[in-house]
Amino acid sequence: MTRPYRRHPYRDVAYLLNTRPGPLHHRPLAFAHRGADPRRENTMGAFRRAVELGYRYLEVDVRTCADGTLVVFHDEELDRTTTGSGPVSEKTWEELAGLRVGAEDELAEPMVRFEELLSAFEDVHLNVDLKDAAAVGEFVRLIEKHQAHDRVLAASFNDARRHHVQSRLTRPIATSGASPRSTVSRSRSPRAGFAS
């Protein structure tokens, strides 16, 4: 049996493949942050490359655009990494779909809808940072539609946002940042969530 790399016992968390028997049991997990390609962050090209390199955990950011579509994008404004400008929240998906993402001299990748990413890699786990409150409803709808409860972790610096996600799902998902008190109180609920 592989010796754990840490002292504390593991909880069986479906999202974390190292908590169950298998090749990753008791091993550290590698996450590809925004696809691990700063020249084309949060794009399908970056995510495909990360998966080709063997990553099975992708950290992504999502924002809601004006028509309610959930897009994979970190910044509130488009200016730093796209051919567009202004807030993501003020553009429709139709407008965003025509933009290109990348570094100054390599703006070649299209933006990505979260549903497209969720569907593209069914064996990949997603650590999803919900960047705005409006993202909650569409995120929950997509998790339910794709039955992706064991493949996603809802992350946010906003505790209420994560709790709102859990309260709207039919099955719990992993979340980040829960305090010990909230973990205990949720563990008594039939729709209990768990922190990672």
N, C-alpha and C. Protein backbone atom coordinates (compact mmCIF):
# COMPACT_ATOMS: atom_id res chain seq x y z
N MET A 1 0.84 -1.19 0.00
CA MET A 1 0.00 0.00 0.00
C MET A 1 0.88 1.25 0.00
N THR A 2 0.50 2.22 -0.77
CA THR A 2 1.23 3.48 -0.85
C THR A 2 1.08 4.24 0.44
N ARG A 3 2.17 4.76 0.93
CA ARG A 3 2.13 5.55 2.15
C ARG A 3 1.60 6.95 1.85
N PRO A 4 0.66 7.45 2.65
CA PRO A 4 0.10 8.78 2.40
C PRO A 4 1.19 9.85 2.47
N TYR A 5 1.04 10.89 1.66
CA TYR A 5 2.00 11.98 1.68
C TYR A 5 1.64 13.01 2.74
N ARG A 6 0.60 12.77 3.49
CA ARG A 6 0.23 13.67 4.57
C ARG A 6 -0.30 12.86 5.75
N ARG A 7 -0.32 13.45 6.91
CA ARG A 7 -0.71 12.75 8.14
C ARG A 7 -2.20 12.57 8.31
N HIS A 8 -2.98 13.54 7.87
CA HIS A 8 -4.40 13.54 8.15
C HIS A 8 -5.13 12.52 7.28
N PRO A 9 -6.14 11.87 7.83
CA PRO A 9 -6.89 10.88 7.05
C PRO A 9 -7.66 11.57 5.92
N TYR A 10 -7.83 10.85 4.86
CA TYR A 10 -8.61 11.35 3.73
C TYR A 10 -10.08 11.08 3.96
N ARG A 11 -10.90 11.99 3.48
CA ARG A 11 -12.33 11.74 3.38
C ARG A 11 -12.55 11.24 1.96
N ASP A 12 -13.54 10.41 1.76
CA ASP A 12 -13.87 9.94 0.43
C ASP A 12 -14.68 11.03 -0.27
N VAL A 13 -14.02 11.77 -1.13
CA VAL A 13 -14.65 12.85 -1.88
C VAL A 13 -14.59 12.45 -3.35
N ALA A 14 -15.74 12.22 -3.95
CA ALA A 14 -15.79 11.71 -5.33
C ALA A 14 -14.96 12.56 -6.29
N TYR A 15 -14.97 13.87 -6.11
CA TYR A 15 -14.23 14.78 -6.99
C TYR A 15 -12.73 14.53 -6.95
N LEU A 16 -12.20 14.19 -5.77
CA LEU A 16 -10.76 14.03 -5.59
C LEU A 16 -10.37 12.56 -5.76
N LEU A 17 -9.78 12.26 -6.90
CA LEU A 17 -9.46 10.87 -7.23
C LEU A 17 -8.40 10.26 -6.32
N ASN A 18 -7.69 11.08 -5.56
CA ASN A 18 -6.68 10.52 -4.66
C ASN A 18 -7.26 10.10 -3.31
N THR A 19 -8.55 10.23 -3.13
CA THR A 19 -9.18 9.81 -1.88
C THR A 19 -9.76 8.41 -1.98
N ARG A 20 -9.66 7.81 -3.13
CA ARG A 20 -10.21 6.47 -3.37
C ARG A 20 -9.10 5.54 -3.86
N PRO A 21 -9.27 4.24 -3.67
CA PRO A 21 -8.28 3.29 -4.20
C PRO A 21 -8.13 3.45 -5.71
N GLY A 22 -6.92 3.36 -6.18
CA GLY A 22 -6.62 3.52 -7.60
C GLY A 22 -5.23 4.08 -7.77
N PRO A 23 -4.83 4.38 -9.01
CA PRO A 23 -3.46 4.83 -9.27
C PRO A 23 -3.09 6.16 -8.61
N LEU A 24 -4.07 6.99 -8.26
CA LEU A 24 -3.78 8.28 -7.63
C LEU A 24 -3.98 8.27 -6.12
N HIS A 25 -4.34 7.12 -5.57
CA HIS A 25 -4.64 7.04 -4.14
C HIS A 25 -3.48 7.56 -3.30
N HIS A 26 -3.77 8.52 -2.44
CA HIS A 26 -2.79 9.13 -1.53
C HIS A 26 -1.67 9.88 -2.26
N ARG A 27 -1.88 10.27 -3.47
CA ARG A 27 -0.87 11.02 -4.23
C ARG A 27 -1.33 12.48 -4.37
N PRO A 28 -0.39 13.40 -4.50
CA PRO A 28 -0.79 14.79 -4.76
C PRO A 28 -1.42 14.89 -6.15
N LEU A 29 -2.31 15.86 -6.32
CA LEU A 29 -2.97 16.07 -7.60
C LEU A 29 -2.44 17.35 -8.25
N ALA A 30 -2.25 17.31 -9.55
CA ALA A 30 -1.78 18.47 -10.30
C ALA A 30 -2.97 19.12 -11.01
N PHE A 31 -3.11 20.42 -10.85
CA PHE A 31 -4.17 21.18 -11.50
C PHE A 31 -3.55 22.10 -12.55
N ALA A 32 -4.14 22.14 -13.73
CA ALA A 32 -3.69 23.05 -14.79
C ALA A 32 -4.48 24.35 -14.64
N HIS A 33 -3.81 25.37 -14.10
CA HIS A 33 -4.44 26.66 -13.82
C HIS A 33 -4.75 27.39 -15.12
N ARG A 34 -6.02 27.62 -15.38
CA ARG A 34 -6.50 28.27 -16.60
C ARG A 34 -6.00 27.55 -17.86
N GLY A 35 -5.69 26.28 -17.73
CA GLY A 35 -5.20 25.50 -18.85
C GLY A 35 -3.69 25.43 -18.90
N ALA A 36 -3.01 26.05 -17.95
CA ALA A 36 -1.54 26.03 -17.83
C ALA A 36 -0.83 26.56 -19.06
N ASP A 37 -1.44 27.51 -19.73
CA ASP A 37 -0.80 28.14 -20.89
C ASP A 37 -1.11 29.63 -20.86
N PRO A 38 -0.23 30.44 -20.24
CA PRO A 38 -0.52 31.87 -20.06
C PRO A 38 -0.68 32.64 -21.37
N ARG A 39 -0.21 32.10 -22.47
CA ARG A 39 -0.35 32.81 -23.75
C ARG A 39 -1.76 32.66 -24.33
N ARG A 40 -2.51 31.69 -23.82
CA ARG A 40 -3.90 31.48 -24.29
C ARG A 40 -4.76 30.92 -23.16
N GLU A 41 -4.74 31.61 -22.04
CA GLU A 41 -5.43 31.13 -20.84
C GLU A 41 -6.93 30.97 -21.06
N ASN A 42 -7.49 29.96 -20.39
CA ASN A 42 -8.92 29.67 -20.43
C ASN A 42 -9.46 29.49 -21.85
N THR A 43 -8.69 28.85 -22.72
CA THR A 43 -9.15 28.54 -24.08
C THR A 43 -9.15 27.03 -24.29
N MET A 44 -9.89 26.58 -25.29
CA MET A 44 -9.91 25.14 -25.58
C MET A 44 -8.53 24.65 -25.98
N GLY A 45 -7.76 25.46 -26.68
CA GLY A 45 -6.40 25.06 -27.04
C GLY A 45 -5.55 24.81 -25.81
N ALA A 46 -5.64 25.68 -24.82
CA ALA A 46 -4.89 25.51 -23.58
C ALA A 46 -5.38 24.27 -22.83
N PHE A 47 -6.68 24.07 -22.76
CA PHE A 47 -7.23 22.91 -22.05
C PHE A 47 -6.86 21.61 -22.76
N ARG A 48 -6.96 21.58 -24.09
CA ARG A 48 -6.58 20.37 -24.84
C ARG A 48 -5.12 20.02 -24.58
N ARG A 49 -4.26 21.03 -24.61
CA ARG A 49 -2.83 20.79 -24.37
C ARG A 49 -2.60 20.25 -22.96
N ALA A 50 -3.26 20.80 -21.98
CA ALA A 50 -3.12 20.32 -20.60
C ALA A 50 -3.54 18.86 -20.49
N VAL A 51 -4.65 18.50 -21.13
CA VAL A 51 -5.12 17.12 -21.10
C VAL A 51 -4.12 16.21 -21.82
N GLU A 52 -3.58 16.67 -22.94
CA GLU A 52 -2.56 15.89 -23.66
C GLU A 52 -1.33 15.64 -22.79
N LEU A 53 -1.00 16.60 -21.94
CA LEU A 53 0.14 16.46 -21.03
C LEU A 53 -0.17 15.57 -19.83
N GLY A 54 -1.42 15.15 -19.69
CA GLY A 54 -1.79 14.24 -18.63
C GLY A 54 -2.58 14.85 -17.48
N TYR A 55 -2.86 16.13 -17.53
CA TYR A 55 -3.66 16.76 -16.47
C TYR A 55 -5.08 16.22 -16.53
N ARG A 56 -5.64 15.93 -15.36
CA ARG A 56 -7.04 15.51 -15.26
C ARG A 56 -7.84 16.46 -14.37
N TYR A 57 -7.18 17.54 -13.95
CA TYR A 57 -7.84 18.59 -13.18
C TYR A 57 -7.50 19.93 -13.83
N LEU A 58 -8.55 20.67 -14.21
CA LEU A 58 -8.37 21.98 -14.80
C LEU A 58 -9.02 23.02 -13.88
N GLU A 59 -8.27 24.07 -13.58
CA GLU A 59 -8.83 25.19 -12.81
C GLU A 59 -9.29 26.20 -13.83
N VAL A 60 -10.57 26.61 -13.75
CA VAL A 60 -11.12 27.56 -14.70
C VAL A 60 -11.91 28.63 -13.96
N ASP A 61 -12.13 29.73 -14.66
CA ASP A 61 -12.91 30.84 -14.13
C ASP A 61 -14.12 31.01 -15.03
N VAL A 62 -15.28 31.31 -14.45
CA VAL A 62 -16.46 31.54 -15.28
C VAL A 62 -17.12 32.86 -14.91
N ARG A 63 -17.65 33.49 -15.94
CA ARG A 63 -18.39 34.75 -15.80
C ARG A 63 -19.67 34.65 -16.63
N THR A 64 -20.62 35.46 -16.27
CA THR A 64 -21.89 35.48 -16.97
C THR A 64 -21.92 36.67 -17.92
N CYS A 65 -22.25 36.41 -19.18
CA CYS A 65 -22.37 37.52 -20.13
C CYS A 65 -23.81 38.03 -20.13
N ALA A 66 -24.09 39.06 -20.90
CA ALA A 66 -25.37 39.78 -20.85
C ALA A 66 -26.60 38.90 -21.13
N ASP A 67 -26.45 37.86 -21.92
CA ASP A 67 -27.60 37.01 -22.23
C ASP A 67 -27.70 35.79 -21.32
N GLY A 68 -26.87 35.74 -20.26
CA GLY A 68 -26.93 34.65 -19.29
C GLY A 68 -26.02 33.47 -19.59
N THR A 69 -25.32 33.49 -20.71
CA THR A 69 -24.40 32.41 -21.05
C THR A 69 -23.21 32.45 -20.11
N LEU A 70 -22.80 31.28 -19.65
CA LEU A 70 -21.64 31.16 -18.76
C LEU A 70 -20.40 30.97 -19.63
N VAL A 71 -19.46 31.91 -19.54
CA VAL A 71 -18.25 31.85 -20.36
C VAL A 71 -17.03 31.61 -19.47
N VAL A 72 -16.05 30.91 -20.03
CA VAL A 72 -14.81 30.62 -19.31
C VAL A 72 -13.88 31.79 -19.53
N PHE A 73 -13.74 32.63 -18.49
CA PHE A 73 -12.93 33.85 -18.61
C PHE A 73 -12.62 34.36 -17.21
N HIS A 74 -11.40 34.80 -16.99
CA HIS A 74 -10.98 35.24 -15.66
C HIS A 74 -11.34 36.69 -15.36
N ASP A 75 -10.93 37.60 -16.20
CA ASP A 75 -11.03 39.03 -15.91
C ASP A 75 -12.46 39.55 -16.06
N GLU A 76 -12.76 40.60 -15.31
CA GLU A 76 -14.05 41.26 -15.45
C GLU A 76 -14.13 41.99 -16.79
N GLU A 77 -12.99 42.52 -17.22
CA GLU A 77 -12.90 43.26 -18.49
C GLU A 77 -12.22 42.40 -19.54
N LEU A 78 -12.55 42.62 -20.79
CA LEU A 78 -12.00 41.85 -21.91
C LEU A 78 -10.62 42.31 -22.36
N ASP A 79 -10.23 43.51 -22.01
CA ASP A 79 -9.07 44.20 -22.60
C ASP A 79 -7.73 43.46 -22.50
N ARG A 80 -7.42 42.82 -21.38
CA ARG A 80 -6.09 42.24 -21.18
C ARG A 80 -5.78 41.08 -22.12
N THR A 81 -6.76 40.23 -22.40
CA THR A 81 -6.44 39.00 -23.13
C THR A 81 -7.25 38.78 -24.40
N THR A 82 -8.05 39.76 -24.82
CA THR A 82 -8.86 39.55 -26.03
C THR A 82 -8.75 40.71 -27.00
N THR A 83 -9.36 40.53 -28.16
CA THR A 83 -9.44 41.59 -29.16
C THR A 83 -10.57 42.56 -28.86
N GLY A 84 -11.32 42.31 -27.78
CA GLY A 84 -12.43 43.18 -27.40
C GLY A 84 -12.08 44.09 -26.24
N SER A 85 -13.05 44.88 -25.82
CA SER A 85 -12.86 45.73 -24.65
C SER A 85 -14.18 45.87 -23.92
N GLY A 86 -14.07 46.28 -22.66
CA GLY A 86 -15.25 46.46 -21.83
C GLY A 86 -15.56 45.24 -20.99
N PRO A 87 -16.58 45.36 -20.13
CA PRO A 87 -16.94 44.26 -19.24
C PRO A 87 -17.58 43.08 -19.98
N VAL A 88 -17.22 41.88 -19.58
CA VAL A 88 -17.81 40.65 -20.13
C VAL A 88 -19.32 40.69 -19.93
N SER A 89 -19.75 41.17 -18.77
CA SER A 89 -21.17 41.16 -18.41
C SER A 89 -22.04 42.04 -19.32
N GLU A 90 -21.43 42.92 -20.09
CA GLU A 90 -22.20 43.81 -20.97
C GLU A 90 -22.26 43.30 -22.41
N LYS A 91 -21.66 42.16 -22.68
CA LYS A 91 -21.65 41.60 -24.04
C LYS A 91 -22.52 40.34 -24.09
N THR A 92 -23.13 40.09 -25.23
CA THR A 92 -23.87 38.84 -25.42
C THR A 92 -22.88 37.77 -25.88
N TRP A 93 -23.31 36.50 -25.82
CA TRP A 93 -22.44 35.43 -26.30
C TRP A 93 -22.14 35.62 -27.78
N GLU A 94 -23.11 36.08 -28.55
CA GLU A 94 -22.88 36.31 -29.98
C GLU A 94 -21.73 37.31 -30.19
N GLU A 95 -21.68 38.34 -29.38
CA GLU A 95 -20.60 39.32 -29.49
C GLU A 95 -19.27 38.72 -29.03
N LEU A 96 -19.29 37.97 -27.94
CA LEU A 96 -18.05 37.37 -27.41
C LEU A 96 -17.50 36.29 -28.33
N ALA A 97 -18.37 35.56 -29.00
CA ALA A 97 -17.93 34.47 -29.87
C ALA A 97 -17.05 34.95 -31.01
N GLY A 98 -17.18 36.20 -31.39
CA GLY A 98 -16.36 36.74 -32.48
C GLY A 98 -15.00 37.26 -32.03
N LEU A 99 -14.76 37.33 -30.72
CA LEU A 99 -13.49 37.83 -30.22
C LEU A 99 -12.43 36.73 -30.23
N ARG A 100 -11.18 37.12 -30.14
CA ARG A 100 -10.07 36.18 -30.06
C ARG A 100 -9.31 36.43 -28.76
N VAL A 101 -8.81 35.33 -28.19
CA VAL A 101 -8.10 35.36 -26.91
C VAL A 101 -6.66 34.97 -27.15
N GLY A 102 -5.74 35.57 -26.40
CA GLY A 102 -4.33 35.21 -26.48
C GLY A 102 -3.43 36.34 -26.05
N ALA A 103 -2.13 36.11 -26.22
CA ALA A 103 -1.14 37.14 -25.93
C ALA A 103 -1.17 38.17 -27.05
N GLU A 104 -0.53 39.31 -26.83
CA GLU A 104 -0.58 40.43 -27.76
C GLU A 104 -0.37 40.03 -29.22
N ASP A 105 0.60 39.19 -29.47
CA ASP A 105 0.95 38.84 -30.85
C ASP A 105 0.32 37.52 -31.32
N GLU A 106 -0.48 36.89 -30.48
CA GLU A 106 -1.06 35.59 -30.84
C GLU A 106 -2.54 35.51 -30.43
N LEU A 107 -3.34 36.44 -30.87
CA LEU A 107 -4.76 36.45 -30.53
C LEU A 107 -5.51 35.57 -31.53
N ALA A 108 -5.52 34.27 -31.28
CA ALA A 108 -6.06 33.33 -32.25
C ALA A 108 -7.19 32.45 -31.74
N GLU A 109 -7.31 32.27 -30.45
CA GLU A 109 -8.28 31.33 -29.88
C GLU A 109 -9.63 32.00 -29.63
N PRO A 110 -10.73 31.32 -29.92
CA PRO A 110 -12.04 31.87 -29.56
C PRO A 110 -12.31 31.70 -28.07
N MET A 111 -13.26 32.46 -27.56
CA MET A 111 -13.69 32.30 -26.17
C MET A 111 -14.46 30.98 -26.07
N VAL A 112 -14.64 30.51 -24.83
CA VAL A 112 -15.25 29.20 -24.59
C VAL A 112 -16.47 29.34 -23.68
N ARG A 113 -17.56 28.69 -24.06
CA ARG A 113 -18.71 28.58 -23.17
C ARG A 113 -18.41 27.46 -22.18
N PHE A 114 -18.85 27.61 -20.93
CA PHE A 114 -18.60 26.60 -19.91
C PHE A 114 -19.21 25.26 -20.32
N GLU A 115 -20.38 25.27 -20.92
CA GLU A 115 -21.00 24.01 -21.33
C GLU A 115 -20.15 23.28 -22.36
N GLU A 116 -19.51 24.02 -23.24
CA GLU A 116 -18.61 23.41 -24.23
C GLU A 116 -17.45 22.71 -23.54
N LEU A 117 -16.86 23.34 -22.56
CA LEU A 117 -15.75 22.74 -21.81
C LEU A 117 -16.23 21.52 -21.02
N LEU A 118 -17.35 21.63 -20.37
CA LEU A 118 -17.90 20.54 -19.58
C LEU A 118 -18.15 19.30 -20.44
N SER A 119 -18.57 19.51 -21.67
CA SER A 119 -18.87 18.41 -22.60
C SER A 119 -17.63 17.86 -23.29
N ALA A 120 -16.60 18.67 -23.43
CA ALA A 120 -15.43 18.28 -24.22
C ALA A 120 -14.58 17.18 -23.59
N PHE A 121 -14.46 17.20 -22.28
CA PHE A 121 -13.57 16.27 -21.59
C PHE A 121 -14.34 15.59 -20.46
N GLU A 122 -14.98 14.48 -20.75
CA GLU A 122 -15.83 13.84 -19.74
C GLU A 122 -15.05 13.13 -18.65
N ASP A 123 -13.74 12.94 -18.85
CA ASP A 123 -12.92 12.29 -17.81
C ASP A 123 -12.05 13.28 -17.05
N VAL A 124 -12.31 14.58 -17.25
CA VAL A 124 -11.54 15.64 -16.61
C VAL A 124 -12.39 16.30 -15.54
N HIS A 125 -11.75 16.65 -14.43
CA HIS A 125 -12.41 17.32 -13.32
C HIS A 125 -12.14 18.82 -13.41
N LEU A 126 -13.14 19.61 -13.06
CA LEU A 126 -13.05 21.06 -13.20
C LEU A 126 -13.21 21.75 -11.85
N ASN A 127 -12.21 22.56 -11.51
CA ASN A 127 -12.26 23.43 -10.34
C ASN A 127 -12.75 24.78 -10.88
N VAL A 128 -14.01 25.11 -10.63
CA VAL A 128 -14.65 26.25 -11.29
C VAL A 128 -14.80 27.41 -10.32
N ASP A 129 -14.09 28.50 -10.61
CA ASP A 129 -14.19 29.72 -9.80
C ASP A 129 -15.32 30.56 -10.36
N LEU A 130 -16.41 30.66 -9.60
CA LEU A 130 -17.57 31.45 -10.01
C LEU A 130 -17.28 32.91 -9.72
N LYS A 131 -17.01 33.68 -10.75
CA LYS A 131 -16.56 35.06 -10.59
C LYS A 131 -17.66 36.07 -10.32
N ASP A 132 -18.92 35.72 -10.60
CA ASP A 132 -20.00 36.65 -10.34
C ASP A 132 -21.23 35.91 -9.82
N ALA A 133 -22.06 36.62 -9.09
CA ALA A 133 -23.25 36.00 -8.48
C ALA A 133 -24.22 35.48 -9.53
N ALA A 134 -24.28 36.14 -10.67
CA ALA A 134 -25.20 35.71 -11.73
C ALA A 134 -24.84 34.34 -12.29
N ALA A 135 -23.62 33.88 -12.06
CA ALA A 135 -23.16 32.59 -12.59
C ALA A 135 -23.84 31.41 -11.91
N VAL A 136 -24.34 31.59 -10.71
CA VAL A 136 -24.86 30.47 -9.91
C VAL A 136 -25.96 29.69 -10.62
N GLY A 137 -26.98 30.36 -11.09
CA GLY A 137 -28.13 29.69 -11.70
C GLY A 137 -27.75 28.87 -12.92
N GLU A 138 -26.98 29.44 -13.82
CA GLU A 138 -26.58 28.73 -15.04
C GLU A 138 -25.60 27.61 -14.72
N PHE A 139 -24.71 27.82 -13.78
CA PHE A 139 -23.78 26.78 -13.35
C PHE A 139 -24.55 25.57 -12.83
N VAL A 140 -25.51 25.80 -11.95
CA VAL A 140 -26.33 24.72 -11.39
C VAL A 140 -27.09 24.01 -12.50
N ARG A 141 -27.69 24.75 -13.41
CA ARG A 141 -28.44 24.15 -14.51
C ARG A 141 -27.55 23.21 -15.34
N LEU A 142 -26.33 23.65 -15.65
CA LEU A 142 -25.43 22.85 -16.47
C LEU A 142 -24.91 21.62 -15.73
N ILE A 143 -24.64 21.75 -14.44
CA ILE A 143 -24.20 20.59 -13.65
C ILE A 143 -25.31 19.54 -13.64
N GLU A 144 -26.54 19.97 -13.43
CA GLU A 144 -27.67 19.05 -13.43
C GLU A 144 -27.88 18.45 -14.82
N LYS A 145 -27.85 19.25 -15.84
CA LYS A 145 -28.07 18.76 -17.21
C LYS A 145 -27.06 17.68 -17.59
N HIS A 146 -25.80 17.90 -17.24
CA HIS A 146 -24.72 16.96 -17.62
C HIS A 146 -24.42 15.94 -16.52
N GLN A 147 -25.17 16.00 -15.41
CA GLN A 147 -24.94 15.10 -14.28
C GLN A 147 -23.45 15.06 -13.93
N ALA A 148 -22.86 16.24 -13.78
CA ALA A 148 -21.42 16.39 -13.56
C ALA A 148 -21.06 16.61 -12.10
N HIS A 149 -21.91 16.20 -11.20
CA HIS A 149 -21.73 16.45 -9.77
C HIS A 149 -20.38 15.96 -9.24
N ASP A 150 -19.91 14.82 -9.71
CA ASP A 150 -18.65 14.26 -9.21
C ASP A 150 -17.43 14.80 -9.97
N ARG A 151 -17.65 15.64 -10.98
CA ARG A 151 -16.54 16.16 -11.78
C ARG A 151 -16.23 17.62 -11.56
N VAL A 152 -17.02 18.31 -10.74
CA VAL A 152 -16.79 19.74 -10.55
C VAL A 152 -16.62 20.08 -9.08
N LEU A 153 -15.88 21.14 -8.86
CA LEU A 153 -15.72 21.75 -7.55
C LEU A 153 -16.10 23.22 -7.73
N ALA A 154 -17.02 23.71 -6.94
CA ALA A 154 -17.41 25.12 -7.00
C ALA A 154 -16.49 25.92 -6.09
N ALA A 155 -15.77 26.85 -6.67
CA ALA A 155 -14.86 27.69 -5.91
C ALA A 155 -15.33 29.14 -6.02
N SER A 156 -15.10 29.89 -4.96
CA SER A 156 -15.38 31.31 -4.97
C SER A 156 -14.84 31.88 -3.67
N PHE A 157 -14.41 33.12 -3.71
CA PHE A 157 -14.02 33.79 -2.47
C PHE A 157 -15.26 34.23 -1.71
N ASN A 158 -16.42 34.06 -2.31
CA ASN A 158 -17.69 34.46 -1.72
C ASN A 158 -18.37 33.22 -1.15
N ASP A 159 -18.38 33.10 0.18
CA ASP A 159 -18.99 31.93 0.83
C ASP A 159 -20.47 31.77 0.45
N ALA A 160 -21.21 32.85 0.42
CA ALA A 160 -22.63 32.78 0.11
C ALA A 160 -22.87 32.21 -1.28
N ARG A 161 -22.01 32.55 -2.22
CA ARG A 161 -22.15 32.04 -3.59
C ARG A 161 -22.01 30.52 -3.61
N ARG A 162 -20.99 30.00 -2.92
CA ARG A 162 -20.80 28.54 -2.88
C ARG A 162 -21.98 27.86 -2.20
N HIS A 163 -22.45 28.43 -1.10
CA HIS A 163 -23.59 27.84 -0.38
C HIS A 163 -24.86 27.89 -1.23
N HIS A 164 -25.03 28.96 -1.99
CA HIS A 164 -26.18 29.08 -2.88
C HIS A 164 -26.15 27.98 -3.93
N VAL A 165 -24.97 27.68 -4.48
CA VAL A 165 -24.84 26.58 -5.45
C VAL A 165 -25.29 25.28 -4.81
N GLN A 166 -24.75 24.96 -3.63
CA GLN A 166 -25.09 23.70 -2.97
C GLN A 166 -26.59 23.59 -2.70
N SER A 167 -27.21 24.67 -2.29
CA SER A 167 -28.62 24.62 -1.92
C SER A 167 -29.53 24.39 -3.12
N ARG A 168 -29.06 24.66 -4.33
CA ARG A 168 -29.90 24.53 -5.53
C ARG A 168 -29.68 23.21 -6.27
N LEU A 169 -28.66 22.45 -5.91
CA LEU A 169 -28.37 21.19 -6.60
C LEU A 169 -29.16 20.03 -6.01
N THR A 170 -29.45 19.03 -6.83
CA THR A 170 -30.14 17.84 -6.34
C THR A 170 -29.19 16.88 -5.65
N ARG A 171 -27.89 16.98 -5.96
CA ARG A 171 -26.85 16.18 -5.31
C ARG A 171 -25.70 17.12 -4.96
N PRO A 172 -24.97 16.85 -3.89
CA PRO A 172 -23.87 17.75 -3.51
C PRO A 172 -22.70 17.67 -4.48
N ILE A 173 -21.94 18.74 -4.52
CA ILE A 173 -20.67 18.77 -5.24
C ILE A 173 -19.60 19.23 -4.26
N ALA A 174 -18.36 19.06 -4.63
CA ALA A 174 -17.25 19.56 -3.81
C ALA A 174 -17.24 21.08 -3.89
N THR A 175 -16.84 21.72 -2.79
CA THR A 175 -16.69 23.17 -2.78
C THR A 175 -15.38 23.50 -2.09
N SER A 176 -14.89 24.70 -2.32
CA SER A 176 -13.67 25.14 -1.66
C SER A 176 -14.01 26.15 -0.58
N GLY A 177 -13.13 26.24 0.39
CA GLY A 177 -13.18 27.33 1.35
C GLY A 177 -14.22 27.27 2.44
N ALA A 178 -14.89 26.16 2.62
CA ALA A 178 -15.89 26.10 3.68
C ALA A 178 -15.22 26.13 5.05
N SER A 179 -15.83 26.84 5.97
CA SER A 179 -15.30 26.86 7.33
C SER A 179 -15.65 25.55 8.02
N PRO A 180 -14.93 25.16 9.08
CA PRO A 180 -15.27 23.93 9.79
C PRO A 180 -16.73 23.92 10.26
N ARG A 181 -17.24 25.06 10.70
CA ARG A 181 -18.63 25.11 11.18
C ARG A 181 -19.60 24.79 10.05
N SER A 182 -19.38 25.37 8.85
CA SER A 182 -20.31 25.12 7.76
C SER A 182 -20.19 23.69 7.26
N THR A 183 -19.00 23.09 7.33
CA THR A 183 -18.84 21.71 6.92
C THR A 183 -19.63 20.80 7.84
N VAL A 184 -19.59 21.07 9.16
CA VAL A 184 -20.32 20.27 10.13
C VAL A 184 -21.82 20.43 9.91
N SER A 185 -22.28 21.65 9.75
CA SER A 185 -23.73 21.85 9.62
C SER A 185 -24.24 21.23 8.32
N ARG A 186 -23.50 21.30 7.25
CA ARG A 186 -23.95 20.71 6.00
C ARG A 186 -23.88 19.20 6.05
N SER A 187 -22.98 18.62 6.84
CA SER A 187 -22.86 17.17 6.88
C SER A 187 -24.07 16.51 7.52
N ARG A 188 -24.89 17.28 8.21
CA ARG A 188 -26.10 16.73 8.83
C ARG A 188 -27.31 16.82 7.91
N SER A 189 -27.16 17.50 6.82
CA SER A 189 -28.26 17.69 5.88
C SER A 189 -28.31 16.54 4.88
N PRO A 190 -29.50 16.11 4.44
CA PRO A 190 -29.57 15.05 3.43
C PRO A 190 -28.98 15.50 2.10
N ARG A 191 -28.89 16.82 1.86
CA ARG A 191 -28.28 17.34 0.64
C ARG A 191 -26.90 17.89 0.96
N ALA A 192 -26.21 17.25 1.87
CA ALA A 192 -24.94 17.76 2.39
C ALA A 192 -23.89 17.91 1.30
N GLY A 193 -23.13 18.96 1.43
CA GLY A 193 -21.98 19.16 0.56
C GLY A 193 -20.73 18.80 1.34
N PHE A 194 -19.63 19.00 0.74
CA PHE A 194 -18.37 18.73 1.42
C PHE A 194 -17.33 19.67 0.89
N ALA A 195 -16.38 19.98 1.73
CA ALA A 195 -15.30 20.89 1.34
C ALA A 195 -14.09 20.09 0.94
N SER A 196 -13.30 20.65 0.09
CA SER A 196 -12.06 19.98 -0.30
C SER A 196 -10.88 20.82 0.10
